[in-house]
Amino acid sequence: MTKPLTDRMDRPLRDLRISLTDRCNFRCSYCMPKALFGANHAFMPRAELLSFEEITRLARIFSTLGVRKLRLTGGEPLIRRDIDALVGMLAEVPGIEDISLTTNASLLTREKARALKAAGLNRITVSLDGIDDPTFRAMNDVNFPVARVLEGIDHAEQAGLAPIKINMVVQRGVNDHDIVAMAGHFRGSPHIVRFIEYMDVGNSNGWRLDQVVPSAEVVERIHEQWPLEAVEPNYRGEVAERYRYADGSGEIGMISSVTQPFCGDCSRARLSAEGKLFTCLFASSGHEVRDRLRAGESDEALQQYLAGIWSRRADRYSELRTHDTKPIDSRKIEMSYIGG
C-alpha cells in the first residue's frame, strides 16, 4: 500500500501481538484466578488454534499494512510446542524488524533460550510480580518459586535475548511493599523493570480503583531510595515512561494505563490464539480472521479486510475510563485470551 494505513485518530498500525495459546501454568489473580480457571476449565482444542503457517501468512499480510514489530504472547507462549520453529518462520517475513516474547520464564531453560535466539527472537519481556518469594508464590497461586524465574532471566541474558524487560503489575495491599526491593534487585543490571498500574482487563479479576498504585507514587517511593531522572521516549507510541537512576545504575519504566492513558499513540493490534483480531486490549469483541483464512480467501482480500478494520478503529477505552474515574460497564475479553 502506498499511503500509510492509519485509523480514525490518525494512529498507524505498527505492532502486532500474537497470542499462541490461552493456556498458562500460573493462576495469577489479576489474570487467570483459580475460581474461574480451575482444573475443569475447558481450554481451546488444538485444532482451533492458528497453525504456525497461518500465523506466518497473517504476519506477512500485516507487514504490508505497516506492521514492523511482532510480540508473541499467551497465555504462556512457551507452552506452545516448537515455538522456536515459529520464530524462525516469522524471522523470514519481509518488513518485520523486531520479534519479541512475553513470558513468565518458568519454562525458559538454557536450551530453549538459545534455540529461540538462534531462530531469530530479538528479546523477551518477563512477567514477575514480586521479588519476595512468599509474595510471588502467593501471586502466581501455584507455589512457583521466584528463584526459578530468575534462572530463566539468566538463561535469556546468556543467550543474548536483550534488552530484557521485567514487568511487575502492582496492586495495593498485595505486592506494593515489594516495589523498592524489585527495583533494587535489578538496579545495576542491564535489565529494565517496568511497573504497571493494575488494570481492569477482562471481567474476572475483581478490579477496584483503590487497588491501583499510581505510577507517580511508585516513582516517588523509588526516588526516595535512589534519585531518578526522567528520560525521553525511544519512539512514538512507547507505552512506558522512562526513568534512569541519577548515578547511572540503570533504567526503569512506568506503564500508567489508569492514571495517564496512552491511547492517543496506540499502534497495536492483537490476534487471539484462534484467530480473532482485536484493536484494543479492553475490547468486548473481535473480528473473525481464521475462518476467512481457512475458507481460502486470497492475500489481497485478507489485506483489504484487515485494512478496513484498522481504518475504522476509534478505540480509546483507557482515556474514557480515566475521564469517568471508573471502569466502563461492558463485557471485556480476558487478558489470558487476548494477550497483554
Protein backbone atom coordinates (compact mmCIF):
# COMPACT_ATOMS: atom_id res chain seq x y z
CA MET A 1 0.00 0.00 0.00
CA THR A 2 1.40 3.41 -0.97
CA LYS A 3 -0.41 5.55 1.62
CA PRO A 4 0.39 4.64 5.25
CA LEU A 5 -2.55 2.93 6.93
CA THR A 6 -3.99 4.88 9.86
CA ASP A 7 -7.14 4.67 11.96
CA ARG A 8 -9.74 7.38 12.59
CA MET A 9 -7.45 9.04 15.13
CA ASP A 10 -4.51 9.04 12.71
CA ARG A 11 -2.73 6.22 14.55
CA PRO A 12 -0.59 3.93 12.36
CA LEU A 13 -0.53 0.14 12.61
CA ARG A 14 2.98 -0.78 13.70
CA ASP A 15 2.75 -3.58 16.28
CA LEU A 16 1.02 -6.95 16.18
CA ARG A 17 0.67 -9.02 19.36
CA ILE A 18 0.04 -12.68 18.61
CA SER A 19 -1.39 -14.97 21.31
CA LEU A 20 -0.18 -18.53 20.79
CA THR A 21 -2.34 -20.23 23.43
CA ASP A 22 -4.99 -19.49 26.03
CA ARG A 23 -3.27 -21.87 28.47
CA CYS A 24 -0.94 -20.88 31.31
CA ASN A 25 0.76 -22.76 34.13
CA PHE A 26 0.25 -19.86 36.57
CA ARG A 27 -3.05 -18.73 38.12
CA CYS A 28 -2.36 -15.07 38.88
CA SER A 29 -5.41 -13.48 40.47
CA TYR A 30 -5.45 -10.46 38.15
CA CYS A 31 -5.39 -12.64 35.03
CA MET A 32 -6.43 -16.29 35.49
CA PRO A 33 -7.86 -16.73 39.01
CA LYS A 34 -8.33 -20.34 40.09
CA ALA A 35 -12.00 -19.75 40.85
CA LEU A 36 -12.66 -19.37 37.12
CA PHE A 37 -9.71 -21.25 35.60
CA GLY A 38 -9.75 -24.39 37.75
CA ALA A 39 -8.96 -28.00 36.92
CA ASN A 40 -12.17 -28.39 34.92
CA HIS A 41 -11.76 -25.27 32.79
CA ALA A 42 -12.15 -26.02 29.08
CA PHE A 43 -9.29 -24.55 27.08
CA MET A 44 -9.29 -24.30 23.29
CA PRO A 45 -8.82 -27.57 21.37
CA ARG A 46 -5.59 -27.62 19.37
CA ALA A 47 -7.47 -27.68 16.06
CA GLU A 48 -8.97 -24.27 16.85
CA LEU A 49 -5.59 -22.61 17.30
CA LEU A 50 -3.95 -20.88 14.38
CA SER A 51 -1.23 -23.06 12.90
CA PHE A 52 2.31 -21.74 12.53
CA GLU A 53 1.73 -21.48 8.78
CA GLU A 54 -1.45 -19.45 9.31
CA ILE A 55 0.27 -17.15 11.79
CA THR A 56 3.16 -16.59 9.38
CA ARG A 57 0.82 -15.87 6.48
CA LEU A 58 -1.05 -13.29 8.55
CA ALA A 59 2.21 -11.72 9.72
CA ARG A 60 3.24 -11.36 6.07
CA ILE A 61 -0.06 -9.64 5.24
CA PHE A 62 0.13 -7.38 8.30
CA SER A 63 3.65 -6.35 7.29
CA THR A 64 2.23 -4.94 4.04
CA LEU A 65 -0.08 -2.79 6.18
CA GLY A 66 2.78 -1.28 8.17
CA VAL A 67 3.46 -3.76 11.00
CA ARG A 68 7.15 -3.80 11.89
CA LYS A 69 7.12 -5.43 15.34
CA LEU A 70 5.72 -8.79 16.41
CA ARG A 71 5.23 -9.85 20.02
CA LEU A 72 4.37 -13.46 20.89
CA THR A 73 2.11 -13.75 23.94
CA GLY A 74 -0.45 -16.05 25.58
CA GLY A 75 -1.49 -17.41 28.00
CA GLU A 76 2.05 -18.62 28.46
CA PRO A 77 3.53 -18.84 24.93
CA LEU A 78 6.29 -21.29 25.88
CA ILE A 79 3.58 -23.90 26.44
CA ARG A 80 3.13 -23.96 22.64
CA ARG A 81 5.30 -26.77 21.31
CA ASP A 82 8.16 -25.97 18.90
CA ILE A 83 7.77 -22.22 19.34
CA ASP A 84 11.31 -21.70 18.08
CA ALA A 85 10.20 -23.09 14.70
CA LEU A 86 7.51 -20.40 14.53
CA VAL A 87 10.04 -17.71 15.41
CA GLY A 88 12.23 -18.93 12.56
CA MET A 89 9.31 -18.67 10.13
CA LEU A 90 8.40 -15.17 11.31
CA ALA A 91 12.02 -14.01 11.08
CA GLU A 92 11.82 -14.59 7.32
CA VAL A 93 8.85 -12.26 6.82
CA PRO A 94 9.87 -9.17 4.81
CA GLY A 95 9.46 -5.90 6.68
CA ILE A 96 9.46 -7.36 10.19
CA GLU A 97 12.20 -5.64 12.17
CA ASP A 98 11.67 -6.97 15.69
CA ILE A 99 10.29 -10.17 17.23
CA SER A 100 9.81 -10.35 20.99
CA LEU A 101 8.20 -12.67 23.52
CA THR A 102 6.31 -12.08 26.75
CA THR A 103 6.66 -14.99 29.18
CA ASN A 104 6.59 -15.86 32.87
CA ALA A 105 10.02 -17.53 32.22
CA SER A 106 9.07 -20.63 34.22
CA LEU A 107 9.76 -22.84 31.19
CA LEU A 108 12.71 -20.86 29.83
CA THR A 109 15.55 -23.35 30.04
CA ARG A 110 19.05 -22.60 28.80
CA GLU A 111 18.44 -24.77 25.73
CA LYS A 112 15.11 -23.10 24.93
CA ALA A 113 16.59 -19.60 25.25
CA ARG A 114 19.43 -20.50 22.89
CA ALA A 115 17.05 -22.09 20.39
CA LEU A 116 14.80 -19.02 20.38
CA LYS A 117 17.75 -16.68 19.86
CA ALA A 118 19.13 -18.84 17.05
CA ALA A 119 15.72 -18.87 15.38
CA GLY A 120 15.57 -15.06 15.31
CA LEU A 121 13.93 -13.91 18.54
CA ASN A 122 15.33 -10.50 19.44
CA ARG A 123 14.30 -10.03 23.07
CA ILE A 124 11.97 -11.07 25.87
CA THR A 125 9.76 -9.48 28.49
CA VAL A 126 9.30 -11.41 31.73
CA SER A 127 6.23 -11.08 33.95
CA LEU A 128 7.44 -11.05 37.56
CA ASP A 129 5.09 -9.60 40.18
CA GLY A 130 7.32 -9.89 43.23
CA ILE A 131 10.95 -10.46 44.16
CA ASP A 132 10.00 -11.62 47.65
CA ASP A 133 9.45 -15.37 47.39
CA PRO A 134 6.33 -15.72 49.59
CA THR A 135 4.72 -12.77 47.79
CA PHE A 136 5.49 -14.20 44.37
CA ARG A 137 4.29 -17.70 45.27
CA ALA A 138 1.03 -16.24 46.55
CA MET A 139 0.51 -14.14 43.42
CA ASN A 140 1.12 -16.94 40.90
CA ASP A 141 -1.08 -19.16 43.12
CA VAL A 142 0.69 -22.37 42.10
CA ASN A 143 3.51 -22.01 44.66
CA PHE A 144 6.13 -21.41 41.96
CA PRO A 145 9.42 -20.09 43.41
CA VAL A 146 10.86 -16.77 42.31
CA ALA A 147 14.34 -18.33 42.03
CA ARG A 148 13.21 -20.41 39.05
CA VAL A 149 12.05 -17.30 37.20
CA LEU A 150 15.34 -15.56 37.94
CA GLU A 151 17.12 -18.59 36.44
CA GLY A 152 15.04 -18.16 33.28
CA ILE A 153 16.06 -14.49 33.11
CA ASP A 154 19.72 -15.53 33.45
CA HIS A 155 19.29 -18.03 30.62
CA ALA A 156 17.81 -15.33 28.39
CA GLU A 157 20.64 -12.93 29.18
CA GLN A 158 23.28 -15.59 28.45
CA ALA A 159 21.59 -16.36 25.12
CA GLY A 160 21.67 -12.68 24.11
CA LEU A 161 17.93 -12.02 24.28
CA ALA A 162 18.32 -8.40 25.25
CA PRO A 163 17.34 -5.95 26.45
CA ILE A 164 15.30 -7.94 28.96
CA LYS A 165 12.30 -6.14 30.44
CA ILE A 166 10.68 -7.28 33.67
CA ASN A 167 7.00 -6.37 34.12
CA MET A 168 5.56 -6.02 37.62
CA VAL A 169 1.80 -5.47 37.94
CA VAL A 170 1.42 -3.51 41.18
CA GLN A 171 -1.61 -3.97 43.44
CA ARG A 172 -2.03 -2.01 46.65
CA GLY A 173 -2.05 -4.27 49.68
CA VAL A 174 -0.93 -7.26 47.62
CA ASN A 175 2.61 -6.64 46.38
CA ASP A 176 3.24 -2.89 46.58
CA HIS A 177 5.52 -3.49 49.57
CA ASP A 178 7.91 -5.13 47.09
CA ILE A 179 8.33 -2.11 44.76
CA VAL A 180 11.64 -0.82 46.12
CA ALA A 181 13.05 -4.33 46.55
CA MET A 182 12.18 -5.17 42.93
CA ALA A 183 13.89 -2.02 41.70
CA GLY A 184 16.89 -2.71 43.91
CA HIS A 185 17.29 -6.31 42.75
CA PHE A 186 17.74 -5.31 39.10
CA ARG A 187 19.45 -1.96 39.72
CA GLY A 188 22.96 -2.09 38.30
CA SER A 189 21.95 -4.70 35.71
CA PRO A 190 21.14 -4.12 32.03
CA HIS A 191 17.54 -5.25 32.67
CA ILE A 192 14.66 -2.75 32.77
CA VAL A 193 11.93 -3.18 35.38
CA ARG A 194 8.58 -1.74 34.32
CA PHE A 195 5.96 -1.09 36.98
CA ILE A 196 2.43 -1.50 35.62
CA GLU A 197 -0.67 0.04 37.12
CA TYR A 198 -3.25 -2.64 37.94
CA MET A 199 -5.73 -2.53 35.04
CA ASP A 200 -9.35 -3.54 34.56
CA VAL A 201 -8.62 -6.03 31.77
CA GLY A 202 -11.37 -8.64 31.40
CA ASN A 203 -14.13 -9.27 33.93
CA SER A 204 -12.69 -11.85 36.32
CA ASN A 205 -10.04 -10.02 38.33
CA GLY A 206 -12.32 -8.04 40.65
CA TRP A 207 -10.62 -4.77 39.69
CA ARG A 208 -11.09 -1.80 42.02
CA LEU A 209 -9.66 1.68 41.64
CA ASP A 210 -8.46 1.71 45.26
CA GLN A 211 -6.09 -1.18 44.47
CA VAL A 212 -4.29 0.91 41.85
CA VAL A 213 -0.93 2.31 42.94
CA PRO A 214 -0.41 5.36 40.68
CA SER A 215 2.87 5.40 38.81
CA ALA A 216 3.68 8.77 40.37
CA GLU A 217 3.65 7.09 43.78
CA VAL A 218 5.90 4.28 42.53
CA VAL A 219 8.39 6.83 41.17
CA GLU A 220 8.31 8.71 44.48
CA ARG A 221 9.00 5.57 46.52
CA ILE A 222 11.98 4.57 44.40
CA HIS A 223 13.27 8.16 44.09
CA GLU A 224 13.43 8.42 47.89
CA GLN A 225 15.86 5.48 47.88
CA TRP A 226 17.74 6.20 44.65
CA PRO A 227 17.25 9.55 42.84
CA LEU A 228 15.65 9.25 39.40
CA GLU A 229 15.70 11.37 36.25
CA ALA A 230 13.08 11.34 33.50
CA VAL A 231 14.21 10.12 30.07
CA GLU A 232 12.73 10.91 26.66
CA PRO A 233 10.80 8.08 24.94
CA ASN A 234 12.63 5.92 22.42
CA TYR A 235 9.85 6.23 19.81
CA ARG A 236 6.28 7.43 19.27
CA GLY A 237 3.80 5.16 20.99
CA GLU A 238 6.20 3.76 23.60
CA VAL A 239 3.92 2.67 26.43
CA ALA A 240 6.37 3.10 29.30
CA GLU A 241 7.54 6.41 30.73
CA ARG A 242 11.27 6.05 31.15
CA TYR A 243 13.40 6.97 34.16
CA ARG A 244 17.08 6.40 34.86
CA TYR A 245 18.97 6.32 38.11
CA ALA A 246 20.88 9.57 38.59
CA ASP A 247 24.05 7.63 39.44
CA GLY A 248 23.92 5.72 36.13
CA SER A 249 22.87 2.38 37.64
CA GLY A 250 20.22 1.58 35.04
CA GLU A 251 16.69 2.36 33.92
CA ILE A 252 13.10 1.66 34.98
CA GLY A 253 9.75 2.31 33.34
CA MET A 254 6.18 3.17 34.34
CA ILE A 255 3.12 1.92 32.44
CA SER A 256 0.23 4.12 33.54
CA SER A 257 -2.84 2.96 31.66
CA VAL A 258 -5.15 4.05 34.50
CA THR A 259 -3.81 7.45 35.59
CA GLN A 260 -2.08 8.57 32.37
CA PRO A 261 -3.61 6.72 29.40
CA PHE A 262 -1.60 6.49 26.20
CA CYS A 263 -4.44 5.64 23.80
CA GLY A 264 -3.57 8.63 21.61
CA ASP A 265 -0.41 6.92 20.34
CA CYS A 266 -1.53 3.27 20.43
CA SER A 267 -0.30 1.46 17.32
CA ARG A 268 -1.05 -2.10 18.49
CA ALA A 269 -3.39 -4.77 17.16
CA ARG A 270 -3.90 -8.13 18.85
CA LEU A 271 -4.50 -11.53 17.32
CA SER A 272 -6.03 -14.18 19.60
CA ALA A 273 -4.83 -17.77 19.59
CA GLU A 274 -7.74 -18.95 17.47
CA GLY A 275 -7.57 -16.09 15.01
CA LYS A 276 -9.72 -13.16 16.08
CA LEU A 277 -8.37 -9.64 15.62
CA PHE A 278 -8.79 -7.12 18.45
CA THR A 279 -7.95 -3.45 18.10
CA CYS A 280 -7.88 -2.69 21.85
CA LEU A 281 -6.71 -4.52 24.98
CA PHE A 282 -10.09 -3.68 26.55
CA ALA A 283 -12.22 -4.81 23.59
CA SER A 284 -15.53 -6.57 24.07
CA SER A 285 -15.42 -8.41 20.74
CA GLY A 286 -13.04 -9.27 17.93
CA HIS A 287 -13.07 -9.65 14.16
CA GLU A 288 -13.02 -13.16 12.68
CA VAL A 289 -9.87 -13.87 10.66
CA ARG A 290 -9.20 -17.62 10.94
CA ASP A 291 -12.40 -18.68 9.18
CA ARG A 292 -11.53 -16.42 6.24
CA LEU A 293 -8.08 -17.98 6.08
CA ARG A 294 -9.46 -21.50 6.10
CA ALA A 295 -12.15 -20.61 3.57
CA GLY A 296 -9.40 -19.88 1.05
CA GLU A 297 -9.52 -16.09 0.83
CA SER A 298 -6.66 -14.57 -1.14
CA ASP A 299 -3.92 -12.47 0.43
CA GLU A 300 -5.32 -9.43 -1.34
CA ALA A 301 -8.82 -9.99 0.06
CA LEU A 302 -7.45 -10.53 3.56
CA GLN A 303 -5.30 -7.42 3.26
CA GLN A 304 -8.33 -5.33 2.31
CA TYR A 305 -10.39 -6.83 5.15
CA LEU A 306 -7.71 -6.13 7.79
CA ALA A 307 -7.03 -2.64 6.44
CA GLY A 308 -10.74 -1.87 6.67
CA ILE A 309 -10.85 -2.93 10.31
CA TRP A 310 -7.92 -0.70 11.25
CA SER A 311 -9.11 2.30 9.22
CA ARG A 312 -12.43 2.26 11.12
CA ARG A 313 -10.74 1.95 14.53
CA ALA A 314 -11.54 4.62 17.13
CA ASP A 315 -10.76 2.75 20.38
CA ARG A 316 -9.66 4.78 23.41
CA TYR A 317 -11.02 2.86 26.38
CA SER A 318 -8.40 3.97 28.91
CA GLU A 319 -8.93 7.65 28.16
CA LEU A 320 -12.69 7.29 28.57
CA ARG A 321 -12.36 5.23 31.76
CA THR A 322 -9.92 7.67 33.31
CA HIS A 323 -12.19 10.61 32.47
CA ASP A 324 -15.07 8.89 34.31
CA THR A 325 -12.74 7.59 37.10
CA LYS A 326 -14.36 4.14 36.94
CA PRO A 327 -14.36 1.10 34.63
CA ILE A 328 -16.77 1.27 31.72
CA ASP A 329 -19.67 -1.12 32.20
CA SER A 330 -19.11 -3.52 29.33
CA ARG A 331 -18.06 -7.14 28.89
CA LYS A 332 -14.35 -7.28 28.10
CA ILE A 333 -12.14 -10.04 26.74
CA GLU A 334 -9.94 -11.72 29.38
CA MET A 335 -6.22 -10.92 29.33
CA SER A 336 -5.33 -14.61 29.24
CA TYR A 337 -7.26 -14.87 25.95
CA ILE A 338 -6.12 -11.76 24.15
CA GLY A 339 -2.55 -11.46 25.47
CA GLY A 340 -1.16 -8.49 27.42
